[in-house]
Structure formats: C-alpha cells, structure tokens
Protein backbone atom coordinates (compact mmCIF):
# COMPACT_ATOMS: atom_id res chain seq x y z
CA MET A 1 89.55 120.43 100.09
CA GLY A 2 90.66 117.30 100.81
CA PHE A 3 91.79 114.48 98.26
CA LYS A 4 88.41 112.89 98.45
CA GLN A 5 85.87 115.52 98.68
CA SER A 6 87.88 116.98 95.61
CA LEU A 7 86.90 113.78 93.95
CA ILE A 8 83.42 113.65 94.97
CA ASP A 9 83.12 117.80 94.09
CA ASN A 10 84.67 117.54 90.80
CA ASN A 11 83.46 114.30 89.72
CA SER A 12 87.03 113.00 89.02
CA ILE A 13 87.56 109.37 88.63
CA LYS A 14 87.74 107.14 85.62
CA LEU A 15 89.37 103.65 86.29
CA GLN A 16 90.56 101.35 83.70
CA VAL A 17 90.14 103.46 80.93
CA SER A 18 92.65 103.50 77.41
CA ALA A 19 94.84 105.91 76.83
CA ASN A 20 97.36 106.20 73.60
CA ASN A 21 100.26 107.84 75.47
CA TRP A 22 101.12 109.96 78.23
CA GLN A 23 99.69 113.24 76.58
CA ASP A 24 96.35 111.08 76.28
CA ALA A 25 96.55 109.79 80.06
CA ILE A 26 97.19 113.48 81.08
CA LYS A 27 94.08 114.84 79.23
CA ILE A 28 91.48 112.10 80.57
CA GLY A 29 92.62 113.57 83.83
CA THR A 30 92.69 117.44 82.64
CA ASP A 31 89.27 117.08 81.10
CA MET A 32 87.35 116.46 84.12
CA LEU A 33 88.75 119.36 86.10
CA ILE A 34 88.02 121.47 82.99
CA ALA A 35 84.49 120.11 83.00
CA SER A 36 84.06 120.63 86.56
CA GLY A 37 85.57 124.75 86.49
CA ALA A 38 88.38 123.75 88.55
CA ILE A 39 90.81 124.77 85.80
CA LEU A 40 91.16 126.06 82.20
CA PRO A 41 92.45 124.56 79.43
CA ASP A 42 95.74 126.09 80.26
CA TYR A 43 96.44 123.97 82.84
CA HIS A 44 96.34 120.81 80.46
CA GLU A 45 99.34 122.68 77.94
CA ALA A 46 101.91 123.79 80.78
CA ILE A 47 101.64 120.23 81.99
CA ILE A 48 101.91 119.09 78.24
CA ASN A 49 105.36 121.81 78.14
CA SER A 50 106.49 120.95 81.43
CA VAL A 51 106.75 117.63 80.76
CA LYS A 52 108.60 117.98 77.61
CA GLU A 53 110.51 120.90 78.54
CA LEU A 54 112.00 119.24 81.61
CA GLY A 55 111.48 115.33 81.16
CA PRO A 56 109.18 112.63 83.38
CA TYR A 57 108.71 114.94 86.18
CA ILE A 58 105.78 114.01 87.49
CA CYS A 59 106.59 110.56 87.38
CA ILE A 60 107.16 110.24 91.63
CA ALA A 61 106.89 106.52 91.44
CA PRO A 62 107.12 103.49 89.88
CA ASN A 63 103.66 102.93 88.01
CA LEU A 64 102.91 106.42 89.12
CA ALA A 65 102.72 110.03 88.08
CA LEU A 66 101.34 113.45 89.45
CA PRO A 67 100.42 115.79 86.40
CA HIS A 68 100.17 119.09 87.67
CA ALA A 69 101.72 122.67 86.98
CA ARG A 70 102.15 125.78 88.73
CA PRO A 71 98.79 127.15 90.03
CA GLU A 72 98.93 130.28 88.07
CA ASN A 73 98.79 128.42 84.65
CA GLY A 74 95.51 128.12 84.68
CA VAL A 75 93.72 126.60 88.18
CA LEU A 76 90.71 128.21 88.98
CA LYS A 77 90.16 126.16 92.32
CA THR A 78 92.76 123.33 94.36
CA ALA A 79 91.53 120.17 92.89
CA PHE A 80 92.05 116.56 91.69
CA ALA A 81 91.67 113.65 89.45
CA LEU A 82 92.09 110.21 89.81
CA VAL A 83 92.88 108.26 86.20
CA THR A 84 93.80 104.54 86.13
CA LEU A 85 94.43 102.79 82.66
CA LYS A 86 93.72 99.05 81.13
CA GLU A 87 97.42 99.30 79.78
CA PRO A 88 100.12 101.49 81.02
CA ILE A 89 101.89 103.49 79.26
CA LEU A 90 105.07 105.41 79.42
CA PHE A 91 106.70 108.56 79.80
CA GLU A 92 109.75 109.82 77.59
CA GLY A 93 112.98 109.20 79.27
CA GLU A 94 111.01 107.25 81.29
CA ASN A 95 112.11 103.34 82.08
CA GLU A 96 108.82 102.33 84.30
CA PRO A 97 105.44 102.36 82.83
CA VAL A 98 102.84 104.37 84.53
CA ASP A 99 99.06 103.19 84.89
CA VAL A 100 98.23 105.81 87.96
CA LEU A 101 97.63 109.05 86.89
CA ILE A 102 96.45 111.80 90.05
CA THR A 103 95.82 115.07 88.63
CA LEU A 104 96.90 117.55 91.03
CA ALA A 105 95.59 121.92 90.62
CA GLY A 106 96.80 123.47 93.55
CA SER A 107 95.31 126.95 93.77
CA SER A 108 98.35 128.39 95.56
CA SER A 109 102.12 126.67 96.20
CA ASP A 110 100.65 125.83 100.47
CA GLU A 111 97.75 124.23 98.31
CA HIS A 112 99.74 122.64 96.11
CA MET A 113 102.00 121.45 98.72
CA GLU A 114 98.58 119.98 101.10
CA GLY A 115 97.71 118.78 98.08
CA LEU A 116 101.05 116.52 97.82
CA MET A 117 101.29 115.22 101.13
CA GLU A 118 97.40 114.19 101.51
CA VAL A 119 98.39 112.18 98.60
CA THR A 120 101.00 110.66 99.61
CA GLN A 121 99.38 110.00 102.89
CA ILE A 122 96.61 107.77 101.18
CA LEU A 123 99.52 105.79 99.11
CA ASP A 124 101.70 105.43 102.20
CA ASP A 125 102.53 101.76 102.62
CA GLU A 126 104.87 99.99 104.11
CA GLU A 127 105.02 96.76 103.46
CA SER A 128 105.31 98.23 100.03
CA GLU A 129 109.04 97.88 98.44
CA THR A 130 108.19 101.52 97.03
CA GLY A 131 106.55 102.78 100.09
CA ILE A 132 103.20 102.70 97.65
CA ASP A 133 99.95 100.67 97.41
CA LEU A 134 98.94 101.19 94.02
CA ASP A 135 97.44 98.13 94.33
CA LYS A 136 94.54 99.17 96.24
CA ILE A 137 93.80 101.35 94.04
CA ARG A 138 93.91 99.50 90.65
CA ARG A 139 91.68 97.12 92.31
CA CYS A 140 89.14 99.95 93.26
CA ILE A 141 85.84 99.22 90.00
CA ASN A 142 83.35 101.28 91.32
CA THR A 143 83.78 105.55 92.44
CA GLU A 144 82.87 103.68 96.18
CA ASP A 145 85.84 102.02 96.04
CA VAL A 146 88.47 104.56 95.53
CA TYR A 147 86.48 106.40 98.45
CA LYS A 148 86.67 103.08 100.75
CA VAL A 149 90.39 102.76 100.44
CA ILE A 150 90.88 106.73 100.68
CA ASP A 151 88.60 106.62 103.96
CA GLU A 152 91.04 103.84 105.01
CA ALA A 153 94.40 104.97 104.37
CA LEU A 154 93.28 107.80 106.13
CA ALA A 155 92.13 106.12 108.99
C-alpha cells in the first residue's frame, strides 16, 4: 500500500497539533492507526519501550521522527500516519527537536522497507542541506495539501 493511499484509508493525518512530550507525539500517530484497525495498542507500547531501551533511533533526520517497531509487535496491516506539531518536542538523547512524525506500521520486513523507501522518496529534496524538505509538509493546513505534496514528490 502506498503512503498516500494509507493516509486516506486510515484517516491518519493530524496537522499542527500539540504534544507535551515525545511519548504524546507518538501516541497521536498510533492512536489514529489503532482507531483504523491497522495496529493493536501493543504497537504503541513497543515503540515507546524501544526508544527508551535503544535511544531515539526513530529520529532519522533533523526535525523528523519515524516512529516504528517490529511487525510482530501488533501490526495488523501496513499503514502510515502523519503528524505535524505546533511546537517541536525533544527526544531524550537527541539535540534536534522534532515537529514532523511519520508513523510506519509494516506488516512484514519487506513492507517495512518499502514503506521507508517511499517516505524517503517523498521527503527527498536535493536543494535542502539534509536532502529532506519538511517545510512543504509543515506548510500543509489540511489533508488535501498533504496529498498534493505527496503527488508532486512522486510525479
């Protein structure tokens, strides 16, 4: 399943929301996927526990986190959720604040890797120092804006 179609099917976009800490920020994304039937609540706990145990491995670029855990931790179907925050939050052990989170629930290792590759392709920007243009996502004020950014990136 593609990133855009997953966001549509799972009704899993929340823009400019508030989170008290990194755990709350992750919960916003996983709650949407729990509500859609894509994951079990265990998946949320697995992400939190992994970050506590391994550190902020989900912070994959400045200002961007990709919350995910292993498929066997409660993934029922491959799905994505997109969350942008009004105010950035810090992960323990991380110097860069995060304000964009893309939750990935891959139902298998292959689906997980395909999901990572598609997200990377959408966010890839050769003009940017980091190669990722999060400003396009940050400027989105509704779901249609998000879909347009995705369509332009994949065109």
